[in-house]
Amino acid sequence: MSLLSSLGREPGAQECSRAGCRADAAWRIQWRNPRIHAEDRRKTWLACDEHLEYLREFLAARDFPLEVLPVDESPVDELPSAESGVTW
């Protein structure tokens, strides 16, 4: 998020990805285009409650694999493990 778009918002607030929407995101849509993305590549769109279904349907209509999660929940494959050496 750029400095200009974050003015007047909570630190760390995340906006819905729907064009023109400035609402706080409650959902994260993880998706990929299988024609151009490798199996392990995921893109993320954020959605407010109002636009979740619109964004999900937009991706589903194109047969893109997707997963919808609460914005504050990490999918299992993104959680750090002791072996990974990654700290969050």
PDB file of N, CA and C in Angstrom:
ATOM      1  N   MET A   1       0.852  -1.162   0.000  1.00  0.00           N
ATOM      2  CA  MET A   1       0.000   0.000   0.000  1.00  0.00           C
ATOM      3  C   MET A   1       0.899   1.226   0.000  1.00  0.00           C
ATOM      4  N   SER A   2       0.610   2.193  -0.825  1.00  0.00           N
ATOM      5  CA  SER A   2       1.432   3.395  -0.887  1.00  0.00           C
ATOM      6  C   SER A   2       1.114   4.317   0.276  1.00  0.00           C
ATOM      7  N   LEU A   3       1.999   5.255   0.523  1.00  0.00           N
ATOM      8  CA  LEU A   3       1.803   6.219   1.596  1.00  0.00           C
ATOM      9  C   LEU A   3       0.508   6.988   1.396  1.00  0.00           C
ATOM     10  N   LEU A   4       0.234   7.431   0.170  1.00  0.00           N
ATOM     11  CA  LEU A   4      -0.974   8.207  -0.077  1.00  0.00           C
ATOM     12  C   LEU A   4      -2.242   7.422   0.195  1.00  0.00           C
ATOM     13  N   SER A   5      -2.270   6.144  -0.193  1.00  0.00           N
ATOM     14  CA  SER A   5      -3.484   5.365   0.022  1.00  0.00           C
ATOM     15  C   SER A   5      -3.638   4.939   1.472  1.00  0.00           C
ATOM     16  N   SER A   6      -2.578   5.057   2.275  1.00  0.00           N
ATOM     17  CA  SER A   6      -2.678   4.637   3.667  1.00  0.00           C
ATOM     18  C   SER A   6      -2.992   5.789   4.612  1.00  0.00           C
ATOM     19  N   LEU A   7      -2.978   7.024   4.113  1.00  0.00           N
ATOM     20  CA  LEU A   7      -3.269   8.161   4.974  1.00  0.00           C
ATOM     21  C   LEU A   7      -4.678   8.055   5.541  1.00  0.00           C
ATOM     22  N   GLY A   8      -4.791   8.274   6.847  1.00  0.00           N
ATOM     23  CA  GLY A   8      -6.093   8.216   7.483  1.00  0.00           C
ATOM     24  C   GLY A   8      -6.588   6.819   7.768  1.00  0.00           C
ATOM     25  N   ARG A   9      -5.767   5.815   7.585  1.00  0.00           N
ATOM     26  CA  ARG A   9      -6.168   4.422   7.838  1.00  0.00           C
ATOM     27  C   ARG A   9      -5.333   3.852   8.965  1.00  0.00           C
ATOM     28  N   GLU A  10      -5.840   2.815   9.566  1.00  0.00           N
ATOM     29  CA  GLU A  10      -5.100   2.106  10.611  1.00  0.00           C
ATOM     30  C   GLU A  10      -3.783   1.598  10.047  1.00  0.00           C
ATOM     31  N   PRO A  11      -2.705   1.646  10.831  1.00  0.00           N
ATOM     32  CA  PRO A  11      -1.453   1.024  10.361  1.00  0.00           C
ATOM     33  C   PRO A  11      -1.696  -0.456  10.079  1.00  0.00           C
ATOM     34  N   GLY A  12      -1.248  -0.923   8.943  1.00  0.00           N
ATOM     35  CA  GLY A  12      -1.412  -2.325   8.588  1.00  0.00           C
ATOM     36  C   GLY A  12      -2.769  -2.660   7.992  1.00  0.00           C
ATOM     37  N   ALA A  13      -3.665  -1.667   7.857  1.00  0.00           N
ATOM     38  CA  ALA A  13      -4.980  -1.934   7.271  1.00  0.00           C
ATOM     39  C   ALA A  13      -4.804  -2.341   5.817  1.00  0.00           C
ATOM     40  N   GLN A  14      -5.634  -3.258   5.364  1.00  0.00           N
ATOM     41  CA  GLN A  14      -5.538  -3.758   3.999  1.00  0.00           C
ATOM     42  C   GLN A  14      -6.848  -3.481   3.283  1.00  0.00           C
ATOM     43  N   GLU A  15      -6.769  -2.936   2.075  1.00  0.00           N
ATOM     44  CA  GLU A  15      -7.948  -2.570   1.293  1.00  0.00           C
ATOM     45  C   GLU A  15      -8.407  -3.688   0.385  1.00  0.00           C
ATOM     46  N   CYS A  16      -9.689  -3.702   0.140  1.00  0.00           N
ATOM     47  CA  CYS A  16     -10.298  -4.607  -0.836  1.00  0.00           C
ATOM     48  C   CYS A  16      -9.678  -4.367  -2.208  1.00  0.00           C
ATOM     49  N   SER A  17      -9.511  -5.430  -2.988  1.00  0.00           N
ATOM     50  CA  SER A  17      -8.917  -5.345  -4.322  1.00  0.00           C
ATOM     51  C   SER A  17      -9.914  -4.934  -5.407  1.00  0.00           C
ATOM     52  N   ARG A  18     -11.197  -4.877  -5.099  1.00  0.00           N
ATOM     53  CA  ARG A  18     -12.216  -4.478  -6.085  1.00  0.00           C
ATOM     54  C   ARG A  18     -11.963  -3.030  -6.478  1.00  0.00           C
ATOM     55  N   ALA A  19     -11.931  -2.767  -7.775  1.00  0.00           N
ATOM     56  CA  ALA A  19     -11.674  -1.417  -8.276  1.00  0.00           C
ATOM     57  C   ALA A  19     -12.622  -0.414  -7.630  1.00  0.00           C
ATOM     58  N   GLY A  20     -12.047   0.661  -7.108  1.00  0.00           N
ATOM     59  CA  GLY A  20     -12.829   1.729  -6.503  1.00  0.00           C
ATOM     60  C   GLY A  20     -13.259   1.496  -5.070  1.00  0.00           C
ATOM     61  N   CYS A  21     -13.039   0.321  -4.530  1.00  0.00           N
ATOM     62  CA  CYS A  21     -13.441   0.023  -3.154  1.00  0.00           C
ATOM     63  C   CYS A  21     -12.304   0.368  -2.205  1.00  0.00           C
ATOM     64  N   ARG A  22     -12.611   1.075  -1.151  1.00  0.00           N
ATOM     65  CA  ARG A  22     -11.610   1.462  -0.157  1.00  0.00           C
ATOM     66  C   ARG A  22     -11.866   0.774   1.196  1.00  0.00           C
ATOM     67  N   ALA A  23     -12.792  -0.165   1.227  1.00  0.00           N
ATOM     68  CA  ALA A  23     -13.158  -0.836   2.479  1.00  0.00           C
ATOM     69  C   ALA A  23     -12.029  -1.737   2.972  1.00  0.00           C
ATOM     70  N   ASP A  24     -12.005  -1.938   4.275  1.00  0.00           N
ATOM     71  CA  ASP A  24     -11.041  -2.871   4.863  1.00  0.00           C
ATOM     72  C   ASP A  24     -11.344  -4.285   4.387  1.00  0.00           C
ATOM     73  N   ALA A  25     -10.306  -5.009   4.040  1.00  0.00           N
ATOM     74  CA  ALA A  25     -10.456  -6.390   3.585  1.00  0.00           C
ATOM     75  C   ALA A  25     -10.679  -7.319   4.775  1.00  0.00           C
ATOM     76  N   ALA A  26     -11.571  -8.255   4.606  1.00  0.00           N
ATOM     77  CA  ALA A  26     -11.818  -9.286   5.606  1.00  0.00           C
ATOM     78  C   ALA A  26     -11.406 -10.658   5.087  1.00  0.00           C
ATOM     79  N   TRP A  27     -11.211 -10.759   3.775  1.00  0.00           N
ATOM     80  CA  TRP A  27     -10.937 -12.040   3.118  1.00  0.00           C
ATOM     81  C   TRP A  27      -9.732 -11.926   2.209  1.00  0.00           C
ATOM     82  N   ARG A  28      -9.050 -13.059   2.069  1.00  0.00           N
ATOM     83  CA  ARG A  28      -7.920 -13.179   1.145  1.00  0.00           C
ATOM     84  C   ARG A  28      -8.258 -14.295   0.153  1.00  0.00           C
ATOM     85  N   ILE A  29      -8.168 -13.976  -1.128  1.00  0.00           N
ATOM     86  CA  ILE A  29      -8.419 -14.963  -2.178  1.00  0.00           C
ATOM     87  C   ILE A  29      -7.076 -15.305  -2.808  1.00  0.00           C
ATOM     88  N   GLN A  30      -6.627 -16.535  -2.609  1.00  0.00           N
ATOM     89  CA  GLN A  30      -5.371 -17.023  -3.181  1.00  0.00           C
ATOM     90  C   GLN A  30      -5.734 -17.748  -4.465  1.00  0.00           C
ATOM     91  N   TRP A  31      -5.118 -17.382  -5.570  1.00  0.00           N
ATOM     92  CA  TRP A  31      -5.470 -17.970  -6.856  1.00  0.00           C
ATOM     93  C   TRP A  31      -4.257 -18.055  -7.762  1.00  0.00           C
ATOM     94  N   ARG A  32      -4.434 -18.805  -8.853  1.00  0.00           N
ATOM     95  CA  ARG A  32      -3.391 -18.873  -9.873  1.00  0.00           C
ATOM     96  C   ARG A  32      -4.041 -19.156 -11.219  1.00  0.00           C
ATOM     97  N   ASN A  33      -3.375 -18.698 -12.251  1.00  0.00           N
ATOM     98  CA  ASN A  33      -3.788 -18.989 -13.617  1.00  0.00           C
ATOM     99  C   ASN A  33      -2.935 -20.168 -14.069  1.00  0.00           C
ATOM    100  N   PRO A  34      -3.501 -21.366 -14.180  1.00  0.00           N
ATOM    101  CA  PRO A  34      -2.699 -22.546 -14.506  1.00  0.00           C
ATOM    102  C   PRO A  34      -2.040 -22.495 -15.881  1.00  0.00           C
ATOM    103  N   ARG A  35      -2.513 -21.626 -16.757  1.00  0.00           N
ATOM    104  CA  ARG A  35      -1.893 -21.515 -18.082  1.00  0.00           C
ATOM    105  C   ARG A  35      -0.562 -20.764 -18.031  1.00  0.00           C
ATOM    106  N   ILE A  36      -0.363 -19.923 -17.013  1.00  0.00           N
ATOM    107  CA  ILE A  36       0.881 -19.147 -16.954  1.00  0.00           C
ATOM    108  C   ILE A  36       1.639 -19.252 -15.638  1.00  0.00           C
ATOM    109  N   HIS A  37       0.993 -19.742 -14.580  1.00  0.00           N
ATOM    110  CA  HIS A  37       1.652 -19.840 -13.276  1.00  0.00           C
ATOM    111  C   HIS A  37       2.032 -21.280 -12.959  1.00  0.00           C
ATOM    112  N   ALA A  38       3.219 -21.446 -12.389  1.00  0.00           N
ATOM    113  CA  ALA A  38       3.650 -22.772 -11.923  1.00  0.00           C
ATOM    114  C   ALA A  38       2.719 -23.234 -10.799  1.00  0.00           C
ATOM    115  N   GLU A  39       2.717 -24.531 -10.559  1.00  0.00           N
ATOM    116  CA  GLU A  39       1.843 -25.134  -9.545  1.00  0.00           C
ATOM    117  C   GLU A  39       1.982 -24.460  -8.174  1.00  0.00           C
ATOM    118  N   ASP A  40       3.187 -24.042  -7.823  1.00  0.00           N
ATOM    119  CA  ASP A  40       3.406 -23.463  -6.490  1.00  0.00           C
ATOM    120  C   ASP A  40       3.231 -21.944  -6.445  1.00  0.00           C
ATOM    121  N   ARG A  41       2.912 -21.311  -7.563  1.00  0.00           N
ATOM    122  CA  ARG A  41       2.731 -19.862  -7.620  1.00  0.00           C
ATOM    123  C   ARG A  41       1.307 -19.495  -7.247  1.00  0.00           C
ATOM    124  N   ARG A  42       1.134 -18.516  -6.352  1.00  0.00           N
ATOM    125  CA  ARG A  42      -0.188 -18.037  -5.966  1.00  0.00           C
ATOM    126  C   ARG A  42      -0.199 -16.518  -5.999  1.00  0.00           C
ATOM    127  N   LYS A  43      -1.285 -15.963  -6.464  1.00  0.00           N
ATOM    128  CA  LYS A  43      -1.507 -14.524  -6.401  1.00  0.00           C
ATOM    129  C   LYS A  43      -2.563 -14.298  -5.328  1.00  0.00           C
ATOM    130  N   THR A  44      -2.599 -13.113  -4.778  1.00  0.00           N
ATOM    131  CA  THR A  44      -3.545 -12.821  -3.705  1.00  0.00           C
ATOM    132  C   THR A  44      -4.333 -11.562  -4.021  1.00  0.00           C
ATOM    133  N   TRP A  45      -5.646 -11.679  -3.900  1.00  0.00           N
ATOM    134  CA  TRP A  45      -6.534 -10.525  -3.923  1.00  0.00           C
ATOM    135  C   TRP A  45      -7.171 -10.449  -2.549  1.00  0.00           C
ATOM    136  N   LEU A  46      -7.410  -9.247  -2.082  1.00  0.00           N
ATOM    137  CA  LEU A  46      -8.096  -9.028  -0.814  1.00  0.00           C
ATOM    138  C   LEU A  46      -9.524  -8.605  -1.107  1.00  0.00           C
ATOM    139  N   ALA A  47     -10.454  -8.975  -0.227  1.00  0.00           N
ATOM    140  CA  ALA A  47     -11.867  -8.647  -0.455  1.00  0.00           C
ATOM    141  C   ALA A  47     -12.544  -8.239   0.845  1.00  0.00           C
ATOM    142  N   CYS A  48     -13.415  -7.235   0.735  1.00  0.00           N
ATOM    143  CA  CYS A  48     -14.293  -6.904   1.848  1.00  0.00           C
ATOM    144  C   CYS A  48     -15.482  -7.867   1.773  1.00  0.00           C
ATOM    145  N   ASP A  49     -16.332  -7.858   2.789  1.00  0.00           N
ATOM    146  CA  ASP A  49     -17.493  -8.757   2.783  1.00  0.00           C
ATOM    147  C   ASP A  49     -18.388  -8.510   1.571  1.00  0.00           C
ATOM    148  N   GLU A  50     -18.558  -7.250   1.181  1.00  0.00           N
ATOM    149  CA  GLU A  50     -19.447  -6.906   0.078  1.00  0.00           C
ATOM    150  C   GLU A  50     -18.956  -7.444  -1.269  1.00  0.00           C
ATOM    151  N   HIS A  51     -17.643  -7.473  -1.494  1.00  0.00           N
ATOM    152  CA  HIS A  51     -17.111  -7.844  -2.801  1.00  0.00           C
ATOM    153  C   HIS A  51     -16.504  -9.244  -2.869  1.00  0.00           C
ATOM    154  N   LEU A  52     -16.545  -9.991  -1.789  1.00  0.00           N
ATOM    155  CA  LEU A  52     -15.970 -11.339  -1.787  1.00  0.00           C
ATOM    156  C   LEU A  52     -16.562 -12.194  -2.896  1.00  0.00           C
ATOM    157  N   GLU A  53     -17.866 -12.275  -2.976  1.00  0.00           N
ATOM    158  CA  GLU A  53     -18.511 -13.148  -3.959  1.00  0.00           C
ATOM    159  C   GLU A  53     -18.212 -12.674  -5.380  1.00  0.00           C
ATOM    160  N   TYR A  54     -18.204 -11.383  -5.627  1.00  0.00           N
ATOM    161  CA  TYR A  54     -17.908 -10.847  -6.958  1.00  0.00           C
ATOM    162  C   TYR A  54     -16.510 -11.268  -7.410  1.00  0.00           C
ATOM    163  N   LEU A  55     -15.505 -11.052  -6.553  1.00  0.00           N
ATOM    164  CA  LEU A  55     -14.127 -11.387  -6.916  1.00  0.00           C
ATOM    165  C   LEU A  55     -13.943 -12.900  -7.053  1.00  0.00           C
ATOM    166  N   ARG A  56     -14.559 -13.670  -6.155  1.00  0.00           N
ATOM    167  CA  ARG A  56     -14.461 -15.125  -6.223  1.00  0.00           C
ATOM    168  C   ARG A  56     -15.081 -15.639  -7.519  1.00  0.00           C
ATOM    169  N   GLU A  57     -16.248 -15.131  -7.866  1.00  0.00           N
ATOM    170  CA  GLU A  57     -16.921 -15.561  -9.104  1.00  0.00           C
ATOM    171  C   GLU A  57     -16.129 -15.156 -10.352  1.00  0.00           C
ATOM    172  N   PHE A  58     -15.499 -13.986 -10.329  1.00  0.00           N
ATOM    173  CA  PHE A  58     -14.679 -13.537 -11.457  1.00  0.00           C
ATOM    174  C   PHE A  58     -13.579 -14.554 -11.746  1.00  0.00           C
ATOM    175  N   LEU A  59     -12.910 -15.020 -10.696  1.00  0.00           N
ATOM    176  CA  LEU A  59     -11.823 -15.997 -10.859  1.00  0.00           C
ATOM    177  C   LEU A  59     -12.358 -17.393 -11.189  1.00  0.00           C
ATOM    178  N   ALA A  60     -13.426 -17.804 -10.519  1.00  0.00           N
ATOM    179  CA  ALA A  60     -13.996 -19.134 -10.731  1.00  0.00           C
ATOM    180  C   ALA A  60     -14.534 -19.282 -12.162  1.00  0.00           C
ATOM    181  N   ALA A  61     -15.073 -18.207 -12.726  1.00  0.00           N
ATOM    182  CA  ALA A  61     -15.604 -18.258 -14.096  1.00  0.00           C
ATOM    183  C   ALA A  61     -14.502 -18.545 -15.109  1.00  0.00           C
ATOM    184  N   ARG A  62     -13.268 -18.263 -14.740  1.00  0.00           N
ATOM    185  CA  ARG A  62     -12.123 -18.516 -15.615  1.00  0.00           C
ATOM    186  C   ARG A  62     -11.441 -19.849 -15.284  1.00  0.00           C
ATOM    187  N   ASP A  63     -12.064 -20.612 -14.398  1.00  0.00           N
ATOM    188  CA  ASP A  63     -11.539 -21.912 -13.968  1.00  0.00           C
ATOM    189  C   ASP A  63     -10.170 -21.808 -13.304  1.00  0.00           C
ATOM    190  N   PHE A  64      -9.912 -20.689 -12.624  1.00  0.00           N
ATOM    191  CA  PHE A  64      -8.664 -20.547 -11.878  1.00  0.00           C
ATOM    192  C   PHE A  64      -8.821 -21.239 -10.530  1.00  0.00           C
ATOM    193  N   PRO A  65      -7.881 -22.099 -10.155  1.00  0.00           N
ATOM    194  CA  PRO A  65      -7.933 -22.680  -8.813  1.00  0.00           C
ATOM    195  C   PRO A  65      -7.820 -21.548  -7.790  1.00  0.00           C
ATOM    196  N   LEU A  66      -8.655 -21.610  -6.748  1.00  0.00           N
ATOM    197  CA  LEU A  66      -8.619 -20.560  -5.744  1.00  0.00           C
ATOM    198  C   LEU A  66      -8.954 -21.096  -4.366  1.00  0.00           C
ATOM    199  N   GLU A  67      -8.566 -20.328  -3.379  1.00  0.00           N
ATOM    200  CA  GLU A  67      -8.849 -20.644  -1.982  1.00  0.00           C
ATOM    201  C   GLU A  67      -9.203 -19.334  -1.296  1.00  0.00           C
ATOM    202  N   VAL A  68     -10.278 -19.339  -0.503  1.00  0.00           N
ATOM    203  CA  VAL A  68     -10.702 -18.151   0.226  1.00  0.00           C
ATOM    204  C   VAL A  68     -10.435 -18.371   1.708  1.00  0.00           C
ATOM    205  N   LEU A  69      -9.717 -17.427   2.307  1.00  0.00           N
ATOM    206  CA  LEU A  69      -9.355 -17.502   3.722  1.00  0.00           C
ATOM    207  C   LEU A  69      -9.613 -16.155   4.383  1.00  0.00           C
ATOM    208  N   PRO A  70      -9.875 -16.154   5.689  1.00  0.00           N
ATOM    209  CA  PRO A  70      -9.917 -14.868   6.390  1.00  0.00           C
ATOM    210  C   PRO A  70      -8.581 -14.160   6.207  1.00  0.00           C
ATOM    211  N   VAL A  71      -8.607 -12.854   6.129  1.00  0.00           N
ATOM    212  CA  VAL A  71      -7.396 -12.089   5.835  1.00  0.00           C
ATOM    213  C   VAL A  71      -6.308 -12.311   6.882  1.00  0.00           C
ATOM    214  N   ASP A  72      -6.677 -12.635   8.101  1.00  0.00           N
ATOM    215  CA  ASP A  72      -5.680 -12.812   9.159  1.00  0.00           C
ATOM    216  C   ASP A  72      -5.242 -14.256   9.360  1.00  0.00           C
ATOM    217  N   GLU A  73      -5.694 -15.170   8.496  1.00  0.00           N
ATOM    218  CA  GLU A  73      -5.322 -16.586   8.607  1.00  0.00           C
ATOM    219  C   GLU A  73      -4.319 -16.952   7.522  1.00  0.00           C
ATOM    220  N   SER A  74      -3.264 -17.654   7.893  1.00  0.00           N
ATOM    221  CA  SER A  74      -2.267 -18.102   6.927  1.00  0.00           C
ATOM    222  C   SER A  74      -2.579 -19.527   6.499  1.00  0.00           C
ATOM    223  N   PRO A  75      -2.499 -19.816   5.198  1.00  0.00           N
ATOM    224  CA  PRO A  75      -2.667 -21.205   4.774  1.00  0.00           C
ATOM    225  C   PRO A  75      -1.521 -22.058   5.309  1.00  0.00           C
ATOM    226  N   VAL A  76      -1.758 -23.323   5.458  1.00  0.00           N
ATOM    227  CA  VAL A  76      -0.769 -24.237   6.036  1.00  0.00           C
ATOM    228  C   VAL A  76       0.568 -24.157   5.321  1.00  0.00           C
ATOM    229  N   ASP A  77       0.566 -24.061   3.987  1.00  0.00           N
ATOM    230  CA  ASP A  77       1.834 -24.057   3.259  1.00  0.00           C
ATOM    231  C   ASP A  77       2.599 -22.740   3.406  1.00  0.00           C
ATOM    232  N   GLU A  78       2.020 -21.715   4.033  1.00  0.00           N
ATOM    233  CA  GLU A  78       2.730 -20.465   4.259  1.00  0.00           C
ATOM    234  C   GLU A  78       3.242 -20.338   5.686  1.00  0.00           C
ATOM    235  N   LEU A  79       2.824 -21.241   6.568  1.00  0.00           N
ATOM    236  CA  LEU A  79       3.274 -21.155   7.950  1.00  0.00           C
ATOM    237  C   LEU A  79       4.731 -21.560   8.051  1.00  0.00           C
ATOM    238  N   PRO A  80       5.526 -20.833   8.829  1.00  0.00           N
ATOM    239  CA  PRO A  80       6.938 -21.205   8.959  1.00  0.00           C
ATOM    240  C   PRO A  80       7.093 -22.513   9.720  1.00  0.00           C
ATOM    241  N   SER A  81       8.122 -23.243   9.381  1.00  0.00           N
ATOM    242  CA  SER A  81       8.419 -24.485  10.102  1.00  0.00           C
ATOM    243  C   SER A  81       9.814 -24.371  10.682  1.00  0.00           C
ATOM    244  N   ALA A  82      10.112 -25.200  11.646  1.00  0.00           N
ATOM    245  CA  ALA A  82      11.421 -25.181  12.294  1.00  0.00           C
ATOM    246  C   ALA A  82      12.528 -25.488  11.292  1.00  0.00           C
ATOM    247  N   GLU A  83      12.232 -26.343  10.297  1.00  0.00           N
ATOM    248  CA  GLU A  83      13.247 -26.724   9.324  1.00  0.00           C
ATOM    249  C   GLU A  83      13.496 -25.639   8.273  1.00  0.00           C
ATOM    250  N   SER A  84      12.524 -24.755   8.070  1.00  0.00           N
ATOM    251  CA  SER A  84      12.637 -23.797   6.973  1.00  0.00           C
ATOM    252  C   SER A  84      13.663 -22.706   7.223  1.00  0.00           C
ATOM    253  N   GLY A  85      13.942 -22.422   8.501  1.00  0.00           N
ATOM    254  CA  GLY A  85      14.863 -21.357   8.814  1.00  0.00           C
ATOM    255  C   GLY A  85      14.248 -19.983   8.585  1.00  0.00           C
ATOM    256  N   VAL A  86      12.950 -19.936   8.298  1.00  0.00           N
ATOM    257  CA  VAL A  86      12.276 -18.668   8.058  1.00  0.00           C
ATOM    258  C   VAL A  86      11.690 -18.156   9.356  1.00  0.00           C
ATOM    259  N   THR A  87      11.910 -16.887   9.637  1.00  0.00           N
ATOM    260  CA  THR A  87      11.282 -16.282  10.810  1.00  0.00           C
ATOM    261  C   THR A  87      10.296 -15.237  10.338  1.00  0.00           C
ATOM    262  N   TRP A  88       9.173 -15.158  11.006  1.00  0.00           N
ATOM    263  CA  TRP A  88       8.126 -14.223  10.620  1.00  0.00           C
ATOM    264  C   TRP A  88       7.943 -13.211  11.695  1.00  0.00           C
TER     265      TRP A  88
END
